[in-house]
Amino acid sequence: ATVKSMVRIRTKKAQGEGFGLNLTAKDEQDLRYGFNTPNTKLGLNYRKNNVDVFGSVWYWHQDYRQYSWLEETTMAAKTFSQVGPYTMTWKNDNLVYTAGANWQLAENHSIGVRADLTQRPNKGKNMVIYDEDVREDGIFLDHLYSEQTSREEKPLGWLTNAYSNGQVGKLGIDFNFDFMNTEINTNRENRETSLVENDFVR
């Protein structure tokens, strides 16, 4: 017997092929002191024929504060105490640029590369304040006010990674290579005043 037939084959695109876009944004608001820390990230991705190319830009603002009460006692021939508030504030902006690619050579073998560039577009500012009464055997001796200001500048730094993970024949491969280059320049200034001596130290 003779049978005539036709087979129609329709190919289906692999899941996830094409362009992808991801955007996240959040903000943390402090209800007591009023500062906030916004955070935003935009990511792009393109996948075609087992090749995945991606990139992103991430920005966040850091605003951190600490309020404490310090009590320090030194016991020698006489007892000295330093009591008062401690305040620390830290503000900076950060940017991270990411780009990379992954290539799936086979079902069990893939290679890829990624680079992260980090930047602080403005100078981060850190301030620490001590405001203390000094007593000797419980008797008021002096009032010290200390203010330390630090400004940090972070030039463009980067972190790169290249990898190969899979199997060639009976040989398993797990290779990773990382390289990092970063730098922070700090300018710090200290001021201290004494009530009794009426002096100024810098």
N, C-alpha and C. Protein backbone atom coordinates (compact mmCIF):
# COMPACT_ATOMS: atom_id res chain seq x y z
N ALA A 1 0.86 -1.18 0.00
CA ALA A 1 0.00 0.00 0.00
C ALA A 1 0.89 1.23 0.00
N THR A 2 0.38 2.27 -0.62
CA THR A 2 1.12 3.53 -0.69
C THR A 2 0.36 4.60 0.06
N VAL A 3 1.06 5.27 0.94
CA VAL A 3 0.43 6.31 1.75
C VAL A 3 1.17 7.62 1.50
N LYS A 4 0.42 8.66 1.16
CA LYS A 4 1.00 9.98 1.01
C LYS A 4 0.64 10.82 2.23
N SER A 5 1.63 11.45 2.81
CA SER A 5 1.35 12.25 4.00
C SER A 5 2.25 13.49 4.00
N MET A 6 1.85 14.49 4.81
CA MET A 6 2.63 15.73 4.95
C MET A 6 2.72 16.07 6.43
N VAL A 7 3.88 16.38 6.87
CA VAL A 7 4.10 16.76 8.26
C VAL A 7 4.43 18.24 8.31
N ARG A 8 3.64 19.01 9.04
CA ARG A 8 3.87 20.44 9.19
C ARG A 8 4.54 20.69 10.55
N ILE A 9 5.70 21.32 10.52
CA ILE A 9 6.47 21.59 11.74
C ILE A 9 6.49 23.09 11.99
N ARG A 10 6.07 23.47 13.17
CA ARG A 10 6.13 24.87 13.58
C ARG A 10 7.13 25.01 14.73
N THR A 11 8.12 25.84 14.52
CA THR A 11 9.11 26.06 15.57
C THR A 11 8.58 27.07 16.57
N LYS A 12 8.98 26.88 17.79
CA LYS A 12 8.54 27.75 18.88
C LYS A 12 9.74 28.46 19.48
N LYS A 13 9.61 29.77 19.61
CA LYS A 13 10.69 30.56 20.17
C LYS A 13 10.95 30.14 21.63
N ALA A 14 12.23 30.07 21.97
CA ALA A 14 12.58 29.70 23.34
C ALA A 14 12.03 30.73 24.31
N GLN A 15 11.64 30.26 25.48
CA GLN A 15 11.10 31.14 26.50
C GLN A 15 12.12 32.21 26.88
N GLY A 16 11.67 33.45 26.91
CA GLY A 16 12.54 34.52 27.35
C GLY A 16 13.32 35.19 26.25
N GLU A 17 13.20 34.78 24.99
CA GLU A 17 13.94 35.42 23.92
C GLU A 17 13.35 36.80 23.63
N GLY A 18 14.24 37.70 23.20
CA GLY A 18 13.81 39.06 22.91
C GLY A 18 14.28 40.02 23.99
N PHE A 19 13.65 41.19 24.00
CA PHE A 19 14.02 42.23 24.95
C PHE A 19 13.26 42.10 26.26
N GLY A 20 13.92 42.46 27.34
CA GLY A 20 13.28 42.51 28.65
C GLY A 20 13.65 43.81 29.34
N LEU A 21 12.73 44.36 30.09
CA LEU A 21 12.94 45.61 30.80
C LEU A 21 12.46 45.46 32.23
N ASN A 22 13.26 45.92 33.18
CA ASN A 22 12.89 45.83 34.58
C ASN A 22 13.21 47.15 35.27
N LEU A 23 12.23 47.67 35.97
CA LEU A 23 12.41 48.92 36.70
C LEU A 23 11.89 48.74 38.12
N THR A 24 12.74 49.03 39.10
CA THR A 24 12.33 48.98 40.50
C THR A 24 12.66 50.32 41.16
N ALA A 25 11.78 50.74 42.04
CA ALA A 25 11.99 52.00 42.76
C ALA A 25 11.38 51.87 44.14
N LYS A 26 12.10 52.35 45.14
CA LYS A 26 11.58 52.33 46.50
C LYS A 26 12.17 53.49 47.27
N ASP A 27 11.52 53.80 48.38
CA ASP A 27 11.99 54.89 49.22
C ASP A 27 11.68 54.55 50.67
N GLU A 28 12.68 54.67 51.53
CA GLU A 28 12.49 54.44 52.95
C GLU A 28 12.48 55.78 53.67
N GLN A 29 11.38 56.05 54.36
CA GLN A 29 11.19 57.34 55.02
C GLN A 29 11.24 57.16 56.53
N ASP A 30 12.09 57.96 57.18
CA ASP A 30 12.17 57.94 58.64
C ASP A 30 11.13 58.90 59.21
N LEU A 31 10.20 58.37 59.98
CA LEU A 31 9.10 59.18 60.50
C LEU A 31 9.52 60.04 61.69
N ARG A 32 10.61 59.66 62.36
CA ARG A 32 11.01 60.42 63.54
C ARG A 32 11.88 61.62 63.20
N TYR A 33 12.88 61.40 62.31
CA TYR A 33 13.84 62.47 62.03
C TYR A 33 13.66 63.07 60.63
N GLY A 34 12.83 62.45 59.79
CA GLY A 34 12.48 63.07 58.52
C GLY A 34 13.37 62.79 57.34
N PHE A 35 14.43 61.98 57.47
CA PHE A 35 15.28 61.72 56.32
C PHE A 35 14.78 60.51 55.54
N ASN A 36 15.19 60.41 54.26
CA ASN A 36 14.75 59.30 53.44
C ASN A 36 15.91 58.76 52.61
N THR A 37 15.74 57.52 52.10
CA THR A 37 16.77 56.85 51.32
C THR A 37 16.14 56.26 50.05
N PRO A 38 16.04 57.05 48.97
CA PRO A 38 15.51 56.52 47.71
C PRO A 38 16.46 55.54 47.05
N ASN A 39 15.89 54.62 46.28
CA ASN A 39 16.66 53.56 45.64
C ASN A 39 15.97 53.20 44.33
N THR A 40 16.68 53.31 43.19
CA THR A 40 16.09 53.05 41.87
C THR A 40 17.06 52.23 41.02
N LYS A 41 16.50 51.24 40.29
CA LYS A 41 17.33 50.42 39.41
C LYS A 41 16.59 50.16 38.11
N LEU A 42 17.27 50.40 36.98
CA LEU A 42 16.73 50.14 35.65
C LEU A 42 17.60 49.09 34.98
N GLY A 43 16.97 47.99 34.53
CA GLY A 43 17.72 46.91 33.90
C GLY A 43 17.17 46.57 32.53
N LEU A 44 18.07 46.28 31.58
CA LEU A 44 17.72 45.87 30.22
C LEU A 44 18.35 44.51 29.93
N ASN A 45 17.65 43.69 29.14
CA ASN A 45 18.14 42.35 28.83
C ASN A 45 17.70 41.97 27.42
N TYR A 46 18.61 41.35 26.66
CA TYR A 46 18.26 40.84 25.33
C TYR A 46 18.80 39.43 25.19
N ARG A 47 17.92 38.50 24.78
CA ARG A 47 18.31 37.10 24.65
C ARG A 47 17.94 36.59 23.26
N LYS A 48 18.92 35.95 22.60
CA LYS A 48 18.69 35.40 21.27
C LYS A 48 19.68 34.26 21.02
N ASN A 49 19.16 33.11 20.63
CA ASN A 49 19.99 31.96 20.26
C ASN A 49 21.04 31.63 21.33
N ASN A 50 20.56 31.49 22.56
CA ASN A 50 21.40 31.10 23.70
C ASN A 50 22.43 32.15 24.11
N VAL A 51 22.29 33.36 23.59
CA VAL A 51 23.16 34.46 24.00
C VAL A 51 22.32 35.47 24.77
N ASP A 52 22.81 35.85 25.93
CA ASP A 52 22.08 36.76 26.82
C ASP A 52 22.96 37.99 27.08
N VAL A 53 22.47 39.16 26.68
CA VAL A 53 23.20 40.41 26.89
C VAL A 53 22.38 41.28 27.84
N PHE A 54 23.03 41.85 28.86
CA PHE A 54 22.28 42.59 29.88
C PHE A 54 23.05 43.83 30.33
N GLY A 55 22.33 44.75 30.92
CA GLY A 55 22.92 45.96 31.47
C GLY A 55 21.95 46.61 32.43
N SER A 56 22.46 47.42 33.35
CA SER A 56 21.60 48.07 34.33
C SER A 56 22.29 49.32 34.88
N VAL A 57 21.47 50.22 35.42
CA VAL A 57 21.94 51.40 36.14
C VAL A 57 21.21 51.41 37.48
N TRP A 58 21.98 51.53 38.56
CA TRP A 58 21.41 51.48 39.92
C TRP A 58 21.86 52.71 40.68
N TYR A 59 20.90 53.44 41.20
CA TYR A 59 21.20 54.64 42.00
C TYR A 59 20.56 54.50 43.38
N TRP A 60 21.30 54.87 44.42
CA TRP A 60 20.68 54.96 45.74
C TRP A 60 21.34 56.08 46.54
N HIS A 61 20.51 56.70 47.37
CA HIS A 61 20.96 57.76 48.26
C HIS A 61 20.98 57.22 49.68
N GLN A 62 22.09 57.40 50.37
CA GLN A 62 22.22 56.90 51.74
C GLN A 62 22.16 58.07 52.70
N ASP A 63 21.28 57.99 53.66
CA ASP A 63 21.14 59.02 54.69
C ASP A 63 20.98 58.29 56.01
N TYR A 64 22.08 58.24 56.78
CA TYR A 64 22.08 57.45 58.02
C TYR A 64 22.39 58.37 59.19
N ARG A 65 21.66 58.18 60.29
CA ARG A 65 21.89 59.00 61.48
C ARG A 65 21.83 58.13 62.73
N GLN A 66 22.66 58.50 63.67
CA GLN A 66 22.69 57.79 64.95
C GLN A 66 22.74 58.80 66.08
N TYR A 67 21.82 58.65 67.03
CA TYR A 67 21.78 59.52 68.20
C TYR A 67 21.93 58.64 69.43
N SER A 68 22.96 58.93 70.24
CA SER A 68 23.23 58.11 71.43
C SER A 68 23.59 59.00 72.61
N TRP A 69 23.58 58.37 73.77
CA TRP A 69 24.00 59.05 75.00
C TRP A 69 25.17 58.25 75.56
N LEU A 70 26.33 58.92 75.72
CA LEU A 70 27.53 58.22 76.15
C LEU A 70 27.90 58.61 77.58
N GLU A 71 28.33 57.62 78.34
CA GLU A 71 28.85 57.83 79.69
C GLU A 71 30.17 57.07 79.81
N GLU A 72 31.25 57.83 80.07
CA GLU A 72 32.57 57.23 80.18
C GLU A 72 33.19 57.59 81.53
N THR A 73 33.68 56.58 82.22
CA THR A 73 34.26 56.78 83.55
C THR A 73 35.69 56.27 83.58
N THR A 74 36.61 57.12 84.06
CA THR A 74 38.01 56.74 84.22
C THR A 74 38.36 56.77 85.71
N MET A 75 38.75 55.63 86.25
CA MET A 75 39.04 55.52 87.68
C MET A 75 40.54 55.40 87.89
N ALA A 76 41.12 56.44 88.47
CA ALA A 76 42.56 56.45 88.81
C ALA A 76 42.66 56.96 90.25
N ALA A 77 43.62 57.87 90.53
CA ALA A 77 43.66 58.48 91.86
C ALA A 77 42.39 59.26 92.12
N LYS A 78 41.85 59.83 91.05
CA LYS A 78 40.56 60.50 91.08
C LYS A 78 39.66 59.87 90.02
N THR A 79 38.37 60.09 90.16
CA THR A 79 37.42 59.53 89.20
C THR A 79 36.95 60.63 88.26
N PHE A 80 37.19 60.39 86.97
CA PHE A 80 36.77 61.34 85.93
C PHE A 80 35.63 60.73 85.13
N SER A 81 34.63 61.54 84.85
CA SER A 81 33.50 61.07 84.05
C SER A 81 33.24 62.05 82.92
N GLN A 82 32.87 61.51 81.77
CA GLN A 82 32.48 62.30 80.60
C GLN A 82 31.10 61.81 80.17
N VAL A 83 30.14 62.72 80.19
CA VAL A 83 28.74 62.36 79.92
C VAL A 83 28.16 63.35 78.93
N GLY A 84 27.46 62.83 77.92
CA GLY A 84 26.81 63.73 76.98
C GLY A 84 26.33 63.01 75.74
N PRO A 85 25.65 63.73 74.84
CA PRO A 85 25.11 63.12 73.63
C PRO A 85 26.18 62.91 72.56
N TYR A 86 25.92 61.90 71.74
CA TYR A 86 26.78 61.57 70.60
C TYR A 86 25.88 61.55 69.37
N THR A 87 26.28 62.26 68.33
CA THR A 87 25.49 62.34 67.10
C THR A 87 26.37 62.02 65.91
N MET A 88 25.87 61.16 65.02
CA MET A 88 26.59 60.86 63.79
C MET A 88 25.62 60.93 62.61
N THR A 89 26.01 61.62 61.56
CA THR A 89 25.22 61.68 60.33
C THR A 89 26.12 61.29 59.16
N TRP A 90 25.54 60.59 58.19
CA TRP A 90 26.30 60.13 57.02
C TRP A 90 25.40 60.22 55.80
N LYS A 91 25.83 61.00 54.79
CA LYS A 91 25.05 61.18 53.56
C LYS A 91 25.95 60.98 52.35
N ASN A 92 25.45 60.24 51.36
CA ASN A 92 26.16 60.11 50.09
C ASN A 92 25.23 59.57 49.01
N ASP A 93 25.62 59.77 47.76
CA ASP A 93 24.91 59.23 46.60
C ASP A 93 25.81 58.22 45.91
N ASN A 94 25.20 57.15 45.39
CA ASN A 94 25.97 56.08 44.75
C ASN A 94 25.35 55.68 43.43
N LEU A 95 26.19 55.35 42.45
CA LEU A 95 25.76 54.86 41.15
C LEU A 95 26.54 53.59 40.81
N VAL A 96 25.84 52.58 40.28
CA VAL A 96 26.48 51.35 39.82
C VAL A 96 25.99 51.07 38.40
N TYR A 97 26.95 50.98 37.45
CA TYR A 97 26.63 50.63 36.06
C TYR A 97 27.09 49.19 35.83
N THR A 98 26.19 48.37 35.28
CA THR A 98 26.50 46.96 35.06
C THR A 98 26.26 46.59 33.60
N ALA A 99 27.17 45.81 33.02
CA ALA A 99 27.00 45.30 31.66
C ALA A 99 27.66 43.92 31.59
N GLY A 100 27.08 43.06 30.76
CA GLY A 100 27.66 41.73 30.64
C GLY A 100 26.95 40.88 29.61
N ALA A 101 27.44 39.66 29.44
CA ALA A 101 26.85 38.73 28.47
C ALA A 101 27.10 37.30 28.94
N ASN A 102 26.14 36.42 28.64
CA ASN A 102 26.26 34.99 28.89
C ASN A 102 25.99 34.24 27.58
N TRP A 103 26.73 33.18 27.35
CA TRP A 103 26.55 32.38 26.13
C TRP A 103 26.51 30.91 26.51
N GLN A 104 25.37 30.29 26.24
CA GLN A 104 25.21 28.86 26.54
C GLN A 104 25.69 28.07 25.33
N LEU A 105 26.90 27.54 25.42
CA LEU A 105 27.49 26.82 24.30
C LEU A 105 26.80 25.48 24.06
N ALA A 106 26.42 24.83 25.14
CA ALA A 106 25.73 23.55 25.06
C ALA A 106 24.82 23.45 26.27
N GLU A 107 24.10 22.34 26.35
CA GLU A 107 23.15 22.18 27.44
C GLU A 107 23.84 22.24 28.80
N ASN A 108 25.07 21.80 28.85
CA ASN A 108 25.78 21.74 30.12
C ASN A 108 27.07 22.57 30.12
N HIS A 109 27.12 23.60 29.28
CA HIS A 109 28.33 24.42 29.22
C HIS A 109 27.97 25.86 28.85
N SER A 110 28.43 26.81 29.67
CA SER A 110 28.17 28.22 29.40
C SER A 110 29.38 29.06 29.80
N ILE A 111 29.55 30.18 29.12
CA ILE A 111 30.61 31.12 29.42
C ILE A 111 30.00 32.52 29.52
N GLY A 112 30.71 33.43 30.20
CA GLY A 112 30.16 34.77 30.35
C GLY A 112 31.16 35.75 30.91
N VAL A 113 30.78 37.02 30.86
CA VAL A 113 31.61 38.09 31.39
C VAL A 113 30.68 39.17 31.93
N ARG A 114 31.14 39.86 32.97
CA ARG A 114 30.34 40.91 33.60
C ARG A 114 31.27 41.98 34.14
N ALA A 115 30.83 43.24 34.05
CA ALA A 115 31.60 44.37 34.59
C ALA A 115 30.66 45.27 35.38
N ASP A 116 31.09 45.66 36.58
CA ASP A 116 30.34 46.59 37.44
C ASP A 116 31.20 47.83 37.66
N LEU A 117 30.69 48.98 37.27
CA LEU A 117 31.38 50.25 37.49
C LEU A 117 30.66 50.99 38.60
N THR A 118 31.40 51.39 39.63
CA THR A 118 30.81 52.08 40.78
C THR A 118 31.32 53.52 40.82
N GLN A 119 30.43 54.41 41.23
CA GLN A 119 30.78 55.83 41.25
C GLN A 119 30.01 56.54 42.35
N ARG A 120 30.66 57.51 42.98
CA ARG A 120 30.00 58.40 43.92
C ARG A 120 30.03 59.79 43.30
N PRO A 121 28.90 60.24 42.70
CA PRO A 121 28.92 61.48 41.92
C PRO A 121 29.23 62.73 42.71
N ASN A 122 28.96 62.72 44.01
CA ASN A 122 29.33 63.87 44.84
C ASN A 122 30.09 63.38 46.06
N LYS A 123 30.63 64.29 46.82
CA LYS A 123 31.41 63.91 48.00
C LYS A 123 30.49 63.53 49.15
N GLY A 124 30.63 62.30 49.63
CA GLY A 124 29.87 61.89 50.80
C GLY A 124 30.33 62.64 52.03
N LYS A 125 29.39 62.97 52.91
CA LYS A 125 29.73 63.75 54.09
C LYS A 125 29.35 62.98 55.35
N ASN A 126 30.33 62.87 56.24
CA ASN A 126 30.13 62.20 57.52
C ASN A 126 30.47 63.18 58.64
N MET A 127 29.58 63.30 59.62
CA MET A 127 29.84 64.22 60.74
C MET A 127 29.59 63.50 62.06
N VAL A 128 30.56 63.61 62.97
CA VAL A 128 30.46 63.02 64.30
C VAL A 128 30.63 64.13 65.33
N ILE A 129 29.68 64.23 66.29
CA ILE A 129 29.71 65.29 67.29
C ILE A 129 29.65 64.68 68.69
N TYR A 130 30.60 65.08 69.53
CA TYR A 130 30.57 64.76 70.96
C TYR A 130 30.32 66.07 71.71
N ASP A 131 29.39 66.05 72.67
CA ASP A 131 29.06 67.26 73.44
C ASP A 131 28.97 66.83 74.91
N GLU A 132 30.10 66.93 75.65
CA GLU A 132 30.22 66.25 76.93
C GLU A 132 30.55 67.19 78.09
N ASP A 133 29.99 66.87 79.24
CA ASP A 133 30.42 67.47 80.50
C ASP A 133 31.49 66.58 81.13
N VAL A 134 32.55 67.21 81.63
CA VAL A 134 33.63 66.47 82.28
C VAL A 134 33.58 66.78 83.78
N ARG A 135 33.56 65.72 84.59
CA ARG A 135 33.51 65.90 86.06
C ARG A 135 34.67 65.15 86.72
N GLU A 136 35.16 65.76 87.80
CA GLU A 136 36.21 65.15 88.60
C GLU A 136 35.67 64.89 89.99
N ASP A 137 35.57 63.59 90.34
CA ASP A 137 34.96 63.20 91.62
C ASP A 137 33.59 63.84 91.80
N GLY A 138 32.82 63.88 90.70
CA GLY A 138 31.45 64.39 90.74
C GLY A 138 31.34 65.90 90.63
N ILE A 139 32.46 66.62 90.61
CA ILE A 139 32.44 68.08 90.54
C ILE A 139 32.71 68.52 89.10
N PHE A 140 31.89 69.43 88.58
CA PHE A 140 32.02 69.88 87.21
C PHE A 140 33.41 70.47 86.97
N LEU A 141 34.05 70.00 85.90
CA LEU A 141 35.41 70.43 85.59
C LEU A 141 35.49 71.19 84.27
N ASP A 142 34.80 70.69 83.25
CA ASP A 142 34.91 71.29 81.92
C ASP A 142 33.77 70.81 81.04
N HIS A 143 33.57 71.51 79.94
CA HIS A 143 32.62 71.07 78.91
C HIS A 143 33.38 71.01 77.59
N LEU A 144 33.38 69.84 76.96
CA LEU A 144 34.11 69.63 75.72
C LEU A 144 33.12 69.45 74.56
N TYR A 145 33.40 70.15 73.49
CA TYR A 145 32.60 70.00 72.27
C TYR A 145 33.56 69.61 71.14
N SER A 146 33.31 68.43 70.57
CA SER A 146 34.19 67.91 69.52
C SER A 146 33.37 67.65 68.26
N GLU A 147 33.88 68.13 67.15
CA GLU A 147 33.18 67.97 65.87
C GLU A 147 34.16 67.45 64.83
N GLN A 148 33.86 66.30 64.27
CA GLN A 148 34.70 65.68 63.24
C GLN A 148 33.91 65.59 61.94
N THR A 149 34.44 66.19 60.89
CA THR A 149 33.78 66.18 59.58
C THR A 149 34.66 65.47 58.57
N SER A 150 34.09 64.50 57.86
CA SER A 150 34.81 63.76 56.83
C SER A 150 34.07 63.89 55.51
N ARG A 151 34.83 64.14 54.46
CA ARG A 151 34.26 64.17 53.11
C ARG A 151 34.99 63.14 52.26
N GLU A 152 34.21 62.23 51.68
CA GLU A 152 34.79 61.15 50.90
C GLU A 152 34.47 61.31 49.42
N GLU A 153 35.50 61.20 48.61
CA GLU A 153 35.34 61.26 47.16
C GLU A 153 35.74 59.90 46.59
N LYS A 154 34.84 59.31 45.79
CA LYS A 154 35.10 57.98 45.25
C LYS A 154 35.12 58.05 43.72
N PRO A 155 36.32 58.04 43.12
CA PRO A 155 36.41 58.00 41.65
C PRO A 155 35.82 56.71 41.10
N LEU A 156 35.68 56.67 39.79
CA LEU A 156 35.08 55.49 39.15
C LEU A 156 35.92 54.25 39.42
N GLY A 157 35.27 53.25 40.02
CA GLY A 157 35.93 51.97 40.28
C GLY A 157 35.21 50.86 39.55
N TRP A 158 35.87 49.73 39.39
CA TRP A 158 35.22 48.66 38.65
C TRP A 158 35.60 47.28 39.15
N LEU A 159 34.65 46.37 38.93
CA LEU A 159 34.80 44.96 39.27
C LEU A 159 34.40 44.14 38.05
N THR A 160 35.29 43.26 37.58
CA THR A 160 35.01 42.44 36.40
C THR A 160 35.07 40.97 36.77
N ASN A 161 34.29 40.18 36.07
CA ASN A 161 34.27 38.74 36.28
C ASN A 161 34.10 38.04 34.94
N ALA A 162 34.89 37.00 34.72
CA ALA A 162 34.75 36.13 33.55
C ALA A 162 34.68 34.69 34.03
N TYR A 163 33.83 33.89 33.41
CA TYR A 163 33.67 32.52 33.89
C TYR A 163 33.43 31.56 32.73
N SER A 164 33.71 30.32 33.00
CA SER A 164 33.39 29.21 32.10
C SER A 164 33.00 28.04 32.98
N ASN A 165 31.80 27.53 32.77
CA ASN A 165 31.30 26.45 33.63
C ASN A 165 30.62 25.40 32.75
N GLY A 166 31.07 24.15 32.87
CA GLY A 166 30.45 23.10 32.08
C GLY A 166 31.32 21.87 32.01
N GLN A 167 31.20 21.17 30.91
CA GLN A 167 31.90 19.89 30.76
C GLN A 167 32.26 19.68 29.30
N VAL A 168 33.50 19.28 29.07
CA VAL A 168 33.98 18.93 27.73
C VAL A 168 34.41 17.47 27.79
N GLY A 169 33.60 16.61 27.18
CA GLY A 169 33.85 15.19 27.30
C GLY A 169 33.66 14.76 28.74
N LYS A 170 34.68 14.17 29.33
CA LYS A 170 34.62 13.77 30.73
C LYS A 170 35.29 14.79 31.65
N LEU A 171 35.75 15.87 31.05
CA LEU A 171 36.46 16.89 31.81
C LEU A 171 35.49 17.99 32.27
N GLY A 172 35.38 18.19 33.58
CA GLY A 172 34.55 19.25 34.12
C GLY A 172 35.34 20.55 34.25
N ILE A 173 34.71 21.65 33.90
CA ILE A 173 35.36 22.96 33.92
C ILE A 173 34.57 23.91 34.81
N ASP A 174 35.25 24.53 35.76
CA ASP A 174 34.65 25.56 36.60
C ASP A 174 35.70 26.64 36.81
N PHE A 175 35.70 27.65 35.93
CA PHE A 175 36.72 28.69 35.92
C PHE A 175 36.08 30.03 36.22
N ASN A 176 36.68 30.78 37.15
CA ASN A 176 36.24 32.13 37.48
C ASN A 176 37.45 33.03 37.60
N PHE A 177 37.34 34.22 37.03
CA PHE A 177 38.41 35.21 37.12
C PHE A 177 37.80 36.54 37.53
N ASP A 178 38.31 37.15 38.60
CA ASP A 178 37.81 38.43 39.09
C ASP A 178 38.94 39.44 39.17
N PHE A 179 38.60 40.69 38.86
CA PHE A 179 39.55 41.78 39.01
C PHE A 179 38.81 43.00 39.53
N MET A 180 39.36 43.65 40.57
CA MET A 180 38.70 44.79 41.18
C MET A 180 39.68 45.95 41.31
N ASN A 181 39.18 47.14 41.05
CA ASN A 181 39.97 48.35 41.21
C ASN A 181 39.06 49.43 41.80
N THR A 182 39.40 49.93 42.98
CA THR A 182 38.56 50.93 43.63
C THR A 182 39.44 51.88 44.44
N GLU A 183 38.90 53.05 44.74
CA GLU A 183 39.68 54.07 45.44
C GLU A 183 38.72 55.01 46.18
N ILE A 184 39.09 55.41 47.39
CA ILE A 184 38.33 56.39 48.15
C ILE A 184 39.31 57.42 48.72
N ASN A 185 39.05 58.68 48.44
CA ASN A 185 39.87 59.77 48.98
C ASN A 185 39.08 60.47 50.09
N THR A 186 39.69 60.58 51.26
CA THR A 186 39.02 61.14 52.43
C THR A 186 39.73 62.40 52.92
N ASN A 187 38.95 63.44 53.14
CA ASN A 187 39.46 64.68 53.73
C ASN A 187 38.75 64.87 55.07
N ARG A 188 39.51 64.85 56.17
CA ARG A 188 38.91 64.86 57.50
C ARG A 188 39.38 66.09 58.28
N GLU A 189 38.45 66.72 58.99
CA GLU A 189 38.77 67.88 59.81
C GLU A 189 38.20 67.68 61.21
N ASN A 190 39.01 67.96 62.23
CA ASN A 190 38.60 67.83 63.62
C ASN A 190 38.64 69.19 64.32
N ARG A 191 37.59 69.49 65.06
CA ARG A 191 37.54 70.72 65.86
C ARG A 191 37.14 70.35 67.29
N GLU A 192 37.82 70.91 68.25
CA GLU A 192 37.48 70.64 69.64
C GLU A 192 37.61 71.93 70.45
N THR A 193 36.60 72.24 71.25
CA THR A 193 36.62 73.43 72.09
C THR A 193 36.45 73.03 73.55
N SER A 194 37.09 73.78 74.42
CA SER A 194 37.01 73.57 75.84
C SER A 194 36.42 74.81 76.49
N LEU A 195 35.41 74.64 77.36
CA LEU A 195 34.74 75.78 77.99
C LEU A 195 35.62 76.45 79.03
N VAL A 196 36.30 75.66 79.83
CA VAL A 196 37.09 76.21 80.93
C VAL A 196 38.34 76.90 80.40
N GLU A 197 39.08 76.20 79.52
CA GLU A 197 40.31 76.78 79.01
C GLU A 197 40.06 77.83 77.94
N ASN A 198 38.83 77.83 77.40
CA ASN A 198 38.46 78.80 76.36
C ASN A 198 39.42 78.73 75.19
N ASP A 199 39.80 77.51 74.83
CA ASP A 199 40.74 77.36 73.72
C ASP A 199 40.07 76.66 72.55
N PHE A 200 40.82 76.59 71.46
CA PHE A 200 40.30 75.98 70.24
C PHE A 200 41.40 75.11 69.63
N VAL A 201 41.08 73.85 69.38
CA VAL A 201 42.06 72.93 68.82
C VAL A 201 41.57 72.47 67.48
N ARG A 202 42.46 72.48 66.49
CA ARG A 202 42.06 72.05 65.14
C ARG A 202 43.12 71.15 64.55
